[in-house]
Amino acid sequence: MKIKTIVTILTASTALATAAPSAAQESAKPAEAVEATVTDPARLAAARTTVDYLFPLGTYQRMMKGTMDKLMDSILSQTFDRPMGETMKGYGLDDETIEDMGDTSINDMMRARDPYFEERMRISTTVMMDEMVDVMTAMEPAIREALTKIYARKFTASQLAEMNRFFATDTGGAFARDYMMVFVDPEMMQSMMGMVPEMMQAMPRIVKKVEEATAHLPPPLKHDTGEEQEEAEQDSQ
């Protein structure tokens, strides 16, 4: 398996483990059934107030700025420092090949090819996370609008009004301000870091299932180039 492929898989596992759960926006079902699309202005207005409390503009910047890049850098560093033989278990390699890998880590192998690999990864992660802050911030108005419709659909006007009265109190306001921030709290981040080894162990099974699910499709067309040939030769060494 190509080293670049391994790096991609491990990076994807880390990103999945550090993603803030989308389920955080789910709430209990309202006491009464509601229509699929809410058009009641009063209900939408109440839901918009709820979103103002729980997801004000600038939420993504508060959550991600100076936090996610450090977290990703820390987790990737730990992940790539794992012995290669341990990391590659379950990827179809024979025991002798895995044993030959010994305690060599991905960092060791990448440093042999690129002495600046770790610094390159650190800089890349910082730049990508900073750019993601801008992207996510630009998306916030649309996300807030979607949340408004979701809350209006899930809760009645009276339920929304009751929540908003709570959020207007000192205790409710404190809860609302930090509602999303708990997902980037150091303790939560540490918990998410603990998920990475389990996700790494699951990746071979997931990759195999993807291969099985797409086995009936013709293989992608290959267009050999000098660069691809050179890369293939390097990976075979």
Protein backbone atom coordinates (compact mmCIF):
# COMPACT_ATOMS: atom_id res chain seq x y z
CA MET A 1 0.00 0.00 0.00
CA LYS A 2 1.33 3.44 -0.92
CA ILE A 3 2.61 5.59 1.93
CA LYS A 4 0.56 8.51 0.60
CA THR A 5 -2.56 6.33 0.81
CA ILE A 6 -1.79 5.43 4.40
CA VAL A 7 -1.27 9.07 5.33
CA THR A 8 -4.58 9.95 3.67
CA ILE A 9 -6.45 7.21 5.54
CA LEU A 10 -4.99 8.18 8.91
CA THR A 11 -5.63 11.87 8.31
CA ALA A 12 -9.25 11.09 7.40
CA SER A 13 -9.63 9.02 10.57
CA THR A 14 -8.33 11.94 12.62
CA ALA A 15 -10.63 14.42 10.93
CA LEU A 16 -13.62 12.20 11.60
CA ALA A 17 -12.68 11.79 15.25
CA THR A 18 -12.28 15.53 15.77
CA ALA A 19 -15.44 16.60 13.95
CA ALA A 20 -18.01 18.21 16.25
CA PRO A 21 -21.02 15.88 16.37
CA SER A 22 -23.79 17.07 14.09
CA ALA A 23 -26.15 15.31 16.46
CA ALA A 24 -25.59 18.20 18.84
CA GLN A 25 -28.27 20.09 16.93
CA GLU A 26 -30.86 17.34 17.45
CA SER A 27 -33.44 17.86 20.17
CA ALA A 28 -36.28 15.89 21.65
CA LYS A 29 -39.37 15.52 19.49
CA PRO A 30 -42.10 18.07 20.24
CA ALA A 31 -45.17 16.95 22.15
CA GLU A 32 -47.41 17.44 19.12
CA ALA A 33 -46.84 16.57 15.49
CA VAL A 34 -45.89 19.48 13.26
CA GLU A 35 -45.99 19.98 9.52
CA ALA A 36 -42.90 19.35 7.40
CA THR A 37 -42.57 23.03 6.49
CA VAL A 38 -43.42 25.78 8.95
CA THR A 39 -44.72 29.07 7.57
CA ASP A 40 -46.12 30.60 10.77
CA PRO A 41 -44.22 33.92 11.15
CA ALA A 42 -44.52 33.89 14.96
CA ARG A 43 -43.10 30.40 15.20
CA LEU A 44 -40.24 31.19 12.83
CA ALA A 45 -39.47 34.37 14.76
CA ALA A 46 -39.33 32.43 18.03
CA ALA A 47 -37.06 29.84 16.43
CA ARG A 48 -34.79 32.59 15.08
CA THR A 49 -34.43 33.96 18.62
CA THR A 50 -33.49 30.47 19.82
CA VAL A 51 -30.80 30.25 17.14
CA ASP A 52 -29.53 33.71 18.13
CA TYR A 53 -28.94 32.35 21.62
CA LEU A 54 -27.47 28.97 20.68
CA PHE A 55 -25.66 29.70 17.42
CA PRO A 56 -24.88 33.41 17.06
CA LEU A 57 -22.76 34.72 14.22
CA GLY A 58 -19.09 34.03 14.90
CA THR A 59 -19.70 30.63 16.51
CA TYR A 60 -17.41 28.75 14.14
CA GLN A 61 -14.61 31.22 14.67
CA ARG A 62 -14.92 30.80 18.45
CA MET A 63 -14.90 27.03 18.07
CA MET A 64 -12.10 26.62 15.55
CA LYS A 65 -9.71 29.56 15.75
CA GLY A 66 -6.47 28.50 17.39
CA THR A 67 -8.02 25.22 18.59
CA MET A 68 -8.60 22.77 15.77
CA ASP A 69 -5.18 23.23 14.13
CA LYS A 70 -3.38 22.48 17.41
CA LEU A 71 -5.63 19.51 18.04
CA MET A 72 -5.12 18.08 14.55
CA ASP A 73 -1.37 18.65 14.79
CA SER A 74 -1.22 16.84 18.13
CA ILE A 75 -3.30 13.87 17.02
CA LEU A 76 -1.53 13.46 13.68
CA SER A 77 1.81 13.58 15.46
CA GLN A 78 0.74 10.84 17.86
CA THR A 79 -0.84 8.80 15.09
CA PHE A 80 2.15 8.96 12.76
CA ASP A 81 4.52 8.09 15.62
CA ARG A 82 2.84 4.68 16.02
CA PRO A 83 4.94 1.71 14.85
CA MET A 84 4.16 1.02 11.20
CA GLY A 85 3.64 -2.69 11.82
CA GLU A 86 0.97 -1.96 14.43
CA THR A 87 -0.74 0.59 12.20
CA MET A 88 -0.89 -1.71 9.16
CA LYS A 89 -2.47 -4.70 10.90
CA GLY A 90 -5.70 -5.54 9.13
CA TYR A 91 -4.69 -4.11 5.76
CA GLY A 92 -4.10 -7.53 4.19
CA LEU A 93 -0.34 -7.65 4.69
CA ASP A 94 1.22 -10.96 5.73
CA ASP A 95 2.69 -11.34 9.20
CA GLU A 96 6.26 -11.44 7.90
CA THR A 97 5.87 -8.10 6.11
CA ILE A 98 4.34 -6.52 9.21
CA GLU A 99 7.11 -7.94 11.36
CA ASP A 100 9.75 -6.55 8.98
CA MET A 101 8.29 -3.09 9.52
CA GLY A 102 9.30 -3.34 13.16
CA ASP A 103 9.09 -0.15 15.16
CA THR A 104 9.49 2.10 12.13
CA SER A 105 6.75 4.74 12.16
CA ILE A 106 5.10 6.68 9.36
CA ASN A 107 7.01 9.74 10.56
CA ASP A 108 10.28 7.78 10.19
CA MET A 109 9.40 6.72 6.65
CA MET A 110 8.19 10.15 5.58
CA ARG A 111 11.19 11.92 7.12
CA ALA A 112 13.44 9.67 5.05
CA ARG A 113 11.74 11.02 1.93
CA ASP A 114 11.17 14.55 3.20
CA PRO A 115 13.29 15.91 6.09
CA TYR A 116 10.73 18.69 6.50
CA PHE A 117 7.69 16.39 6.58
CA GLU A 118 6.60 17.20 10.15
CA GLU A 119 7.02 20.95 9.70
CA ARG A 120 5.24 20.72 6.34
CA MET A 121 2.32 18.87 7.97
CA ARG A 122 2.16 21.35 10.85
CA ILE A 123 2.11 24.36 8.53
CA SER A 124 -0.38 22.70 6.20
CA THR A 125 -2.73 21.89 9.07
CA THR A 126 -2.59 25.44 10.41
CA VAL A 127 -3.27 26.97 6.99
CA MET A 128 -6.11 24.54 6.23
CA MET A 129 -7.81 25.10 9.58
CA ASP A 130 -7.49 28.89 9.25
CA GLU A 131 -9.01 28.72 5.79
CA MET A 132 -11.78 26.46 7.06
CA VAL A 133 -12.66 29.10 9.66
CA ASP A 134 -13.24 31.60 6.86
CA VAL A 135 -15.24 29.07 4.82
CA MET A 136 -17.42 28.02 7.75
CA THR A 137 -17.94 31.63 8.85
CA ALA A 138 -19.17 32.50 5.37
CA MET A 139 -21.62 29.61 5.60
CA GLU A 140 -23.01 30.63 8.99
CA PRO A 141 -25.97 32.71 7.71
CA ALA A 142 -27.23 29.76 5.66
CA ILE A 143 -26.66 27.39 8.57
CA ARG A 144 -28.51 29.72 10.94
CA GLU A 145 -31.41 29.89 8.51
CA ALA A 146 -31.53 26.10 8.28
CA LEU A 147 -31.41 25.81 12.08
CA THR A 148 -34.26 28.32 12.36
CA LYS A 149 -36.45 26.16 10.10
CA ILE A 150 -35.43 23.00 11.97
CA TYR A 151 -36.26 24.42 15.39
CA ALA A 152 -39.52 25.85 14.08
CA ARG A 153 -40.43 22.42 12.72
CA LYS A 154 -39.39 20.47 15.79
CA PHE A 155 -40.88 22.71 18.45
CA THR A 156 -44.12 24.57 18.92
CA ALA A 157 -44.24 28.33 19.38
CA SER A 158 -44.98 27.89 23.10
CA GLN A 159 -42.03 25.51 23.54
CA LEU A 160 -39.70 27.91 21.75
CA ALA A 161 -40.96 30.81 23.84
CA GLU A 162 -40.34 28.81 27.02
CA MET A 163 -36.77 27.99 25.93
CA ASN A 164 -36.12 31.60 25.02
CA ARG A 165 -37.32 32.76 28.43
CA PHE A 166 -34.80 30.38 29.96
CA PHE A 167 -32.00 31.58 27.67
CA ALA A 168 -32.81 35.16 28.73
CA THR A 169 -31.95 34.32 32.35
CA ASP A 170 -28.39 34.42 33.69
CA THR A 171 -28.19 30.64 33.87
CA GLY A 172 -29.85 30.10 30.50
CA GLY A 173 -27.63 32.72 28.88
CA ALA A 174 -24.50 31.06 30.31
CA PHE A 175 -25.65 27.71 28.93
CA ALA A 176 -26.47 29.13 25.50
CA ARG A 177 -23.13 30.97 25.18
CA ASP A 178 -21.14 27.80 25.77
CA TYR A 179 -23.56 25.31 24.21
CA MET A 180 -21.38 24.74 21.12
CA MET A 181 -18.08 25.49 22.84
CA VAL A 182 -18.23 22.32 24.94
CA PHE A 183 -17.33 20.38 21.80
CA VAL A 184 -13.92 22.07 21.64
CA ASP A 185 -13.31 21.98 25.38
CA PRO A 186 -9.90 20.38 26.17
CA GLU A 187 -11.60 17.53 28.01
CA MET A 188 -13.84 16.80 25.02
CA MET A 189 -10.85 17.07 22.71
CA GLN A 190 -8.96 14.55 24.83
CA SER A 191 -11.93 12.21 24.61
CA MET A 192 -12.01 12.57 20.83
CA MET A 193 -8.29 11.87 20.63
CA GLY A 194 -9.00 8.57 22.33
CA MET A 195 -11.24 7.61 19.41
CA VAL A 196 -8.43 7.76 16.86
CA PRO A 197 -6.90 4.31 17.57
CA GLU A 198 -10.33 2.68 17.32
CA MET A 199 -11.04 4.46 14.05
CA MET A 200 -7.64 3.42 12.69
CA GLN A 201 -8.43 -0.20 13.55
CA ALA A 202 -11.82 0.11 11.84
CA MET A 203 -10.45 1.66 8.64
CA PRO A 204 -9.26 -1.61 7.02
CA ARG A 205 -12.72 -3.12 7.50
CA ILE A 206 -14.36 0.03 6.13
CA VAL A 207 -12.02 0.16 3.13
CA LYS A 208 -12.71 -3.53 2.41
CA LYS A 209 -16.47 -2.96 2.52
CA VAL A 210 -16.14 -0.02 0.14
CA GLU A 211 -14.12 -2.17 -2.24
CA GLU A 212 -16.73 -4.94 -2.06
CA ALA A 213 -19.59 -2.49 -2.58
CA THR A 214 -17.94 -1.02 -5.69
CA ALA A 215 -16.50 -4.28 -7.08
CA HIS A 216 -19.21 -4.45 -9.77
CA LEU A 217 -18.07 -1.14 -11.27
CA PRO A 218 -15.44 -1.02 -14.03
CA PRO A 219 -12.06 0.24 -12.80
CA PRO A 220 -11.27 3.93 -13.39
CA LEU A 221 -9.49 4.79 -16.62
CA LYS A 222 -5.77 5.17 -16.19
CA HIS A 223 -3.81 7.89 -17.93
CA ASP A 224 -0.14 7.20 -17.35
CA THR A 225 2.06 10.26 -17.16
CA GLY A 226 5.73 10.64 -16.48
CA GLU A 227 4.95 11.94 -13.01
CA GLU A 228 2.68 8.99 -12.22
CA GLN A 229 5.29 6.55 -13.51
CA GLU A 230 7.95 8.17 -11.33
CA GLU A 231 5.63 8.00 -8.31
CA ALA A 232 4.89 4.32 -9.01
CA GLU A 233 8.61 3.57 -9.18
CA GLN A 234 9.23 5.38 -5.88
CA ASP A 235 6.37 3.52 -4.15
CA SER A 236 7.73 0.20 -5.39
CA GLN A 237 11.12 0.83 -3.79
